[in-house]
Amino acid sequence: MPICTTCTAAVPFLYTVYDSKSNLRLHQCEKCHSFADPYVEHDSFILLLDLILLKRDVFRHLLYNRGTNPRKYVDGVEVNVERPTSQQRERNRWKNVFRFGGPLIFVDAFIRWSHLHPSFSTVSAPLTDAAVIALLKTVAGVLIETITFHSGVICACWAVQSLLDRLPFTRHDKPSAIRQEFRFSLIPLTLFYSSLTKLFLLFLLTIWRPSTEPTRSSGSLAARLGWQQLSDEDVDREWVVRNVLGGMSAGFGLRVILDSHPIFTTLIIAAGWVVKTAASRGPPSSSFCTMSNTDTQLPPRFADLKREIASANPNFEQNLTRAWGELLVELEKATSDIAAQGSSYIPQVHFADLDKLTAEQIADIKRKGTVVIRDVVDDDKARGWKTSLEEFVKANPQVEGWPETGAKQFFQLYWTKAQIEARAHPNMLKSIAWLNNLYHTNGSSPPEGVDLSTPLAYADRFRIRNPGGVWDRHPPHVDGGSIERWEDEKLRVCFADILSGAWRNHDPYALEPRLEARTSLYNRPNQSSVFRTFQGWLAISKTGPHQGTLKVFPSLILSNAYIIMRPFFRPIVPLGSPDILAAKNWVFDLSSSEFPGIFTRAGDRGFHGPRPSDELHPHLLLNQTMTSIPDVNPGDTVFWHCDVVHAVEEEHTGAEDSAVMYIPAVPLTPVNASYIEKQRASFAAGIPPPDYPVATTGVDFVGLATEADIVESEGRRAMGLPIALGA
């Protein structure tokens, strides 16, 4: 039965037709004395406009009255008009869900695609295979989001309605017409109708993209702070429209069909948003979490960042284009050498020889950015630590890690006795100090508060990887800063020679630019906020090629130069073309917001990467040049420069497990010392360190280490603990 769009009272009919369709009279509601539904006289444009403006009556017209047959008179005699049954109306509504939802999903996907791929979506851009694939992927993503969001809202509506029907103070003897006419088909239809407001505003953002920001040094403080917030990814304009305003309009629509308090509709929308976010994000994040459900395109403001970098470097296009051509020539030579030599290309030294290495050996380590240091710890000691870790996990089955089901192989543990002892071992600390001193300062003395010979203990986790299975959770990537490599002005200084075109002068071991650089602008979990000269691990079992070990691209300057320059060039042939490596097929381009290899994950703050790939970084030939670390024994260590492209082998075809403890090289600097102080508090509380997501608290664990387990003064100093008297 139709309803009055003003008071929602049930009415027998909406209008009466006399002899011809043009001769009609609107029915007057007996309860409120208004016309029952004035929209029967309005055309589709008015309906669309009022939907965008979120007018309540148009929702009631479309949801409850659309398709209702009128009362009809012919020659003054009422004609019996067949009225659709409740089942027929329900079928028609579901047909409208698909008829209306399909185009809206495509429009939403197209708007997202145009935002994320501005170089694809310009009028003059050719419709390439890459553009079509990107659009299809976006459509698939929007479809999945829509299904999960609608499913969450429908389930939440059912729960709320069931609750309200059971509560004595919300139960009514005579439900309203809205409540009587409620059907679950109304929910997706309402959500689609209400999404028009969001899509209209997103369309406006598509055709209006501010090319420059207002001067932040002028204007009121409130205006500057407001713009700064709206310029951050966490509060991006599109995100606000899509999630905040979109949620508000959806909540308004639900209030039309749910005769309930706004608090309930807000909770329902929140439930749908949580389900959608959980579905798109996947399992809880860790540094080994899957890198699927990602978006490799960035907001339009990053095109402005490119232009800002270009304007800061004189003759930027000319110099960078020349440098790009030079770099591609050098990469062709280097990748051939790396692929030919395999694991033997990685430098290997003994701990006892660290102070006796020749200048040529040290230069080789610095150029390749990776080194295996053998016999840092006795084999038996390292094996004992592995046994201790296995016993700890057995005694604490609630330990979090990956995979979430079955036998865990990567463990979210930081404060076991084995880990504490390994970080504080004198040989580990000496190795770290030696690595730290591969960096250099400009002056004769280091900056205040900096001591490269004083190592600090940065808490990380461990893995005991079983043979078999496939790990696709760590493809080639670089840690120690994502988009920050370009966005943070101080971190960008580390790559100033590359951006000026003098990439051969790039010095990845210059200390000063690293000290104040911010590698974590967005406070994303698992993003290191300290300066690690080298990342590293200590082997506590045998491991090697094809046994789930580390892989690196062992040419530090070349990979840095390529990754930093890559966002400023685009191919003019398809990415899969056999001619993709030719320099003539790449052109300088500042129009796109893309930073290839930088991506976002649904539900995460900030950005991930750089994650080089064969598709986006073809000249690195990663499928040939990602080189496995040679065979190592328990007590050997592997270290790689903080800028080195590295990965984890997908397959472990060995017979035994592959176990390592992650222990990076961290020097004493003011920023690092501040972090160690906060980390010390986490150690005392038995909780994850500040750089990692909150997990199970240590009070549930049996056998965690305490300060008393760190005896040597060097180890206590590395942990930020007071030195015992007499030490």
Foldseek 3Di string as FASTA:
>chain_A
DAAQLPPRADDPFQWEEEADPVRIGGDADPPPRHGRAPCVPPDPVVLLVVLLVLDSSSLSCVLGPPPFDGFYHYPNHTDDDDGDDLVVVLVVLLVCLCVLVVVLLLLVLVLVLCQQWVQCPDPPHDNDPVSVVSSVVSSVLSVLLLVLLLVLLLVLVVVVVVVLCPDPVNHDPDDGSLVVSDDSSSLSVLLSSLCSNLSVVSVVCSVDPDLDDPDLVDDDPVVNVVVVVCPFPVNDPNCCSVPVVSLVSSLSSVVSRDVDDSVSSSVSSVRSVVRSLCVLQDDDDDLLDAPPSWRQGDGQCLLSLLVVLQVVAPPQQVLLLVLVVVLLVVLVVLLVVLLVPFQVLAAEEELVCLVPDDPVSLVSCQQQQKYKYAQLDDLVLLLVLVVQVVVQCVQFVVWDAPPRDDDHFWTLAWFFLSNLCVLLPPSNLQVLLSLLVSADEPDPDDPPFFDSSQWAWDTDTKGWFFADAFRPRWAWFFAQAFCLCSVFPLNVVQQVCLSNNNLVPRDNRHPVSQQPRARCPFLWAPHDRADFQKWKKAWSFKDWPLAFAKWWQRGQSSVVSLLVSLVQKDFQDALPDPCRSDSVRIHGDSSGSGRAQWIDGRPTTDIDGNRDDCSSRVSNVCVSNRHMHGIGGGNMMMIGGSGITMTIGGHRNDDGITIIGITTNHTGHVSVLVQLVQQLVCNQFQFRGSNHDTDDTHVSGPRGDDPVSNQDQSSCVSSVHDHDPPD
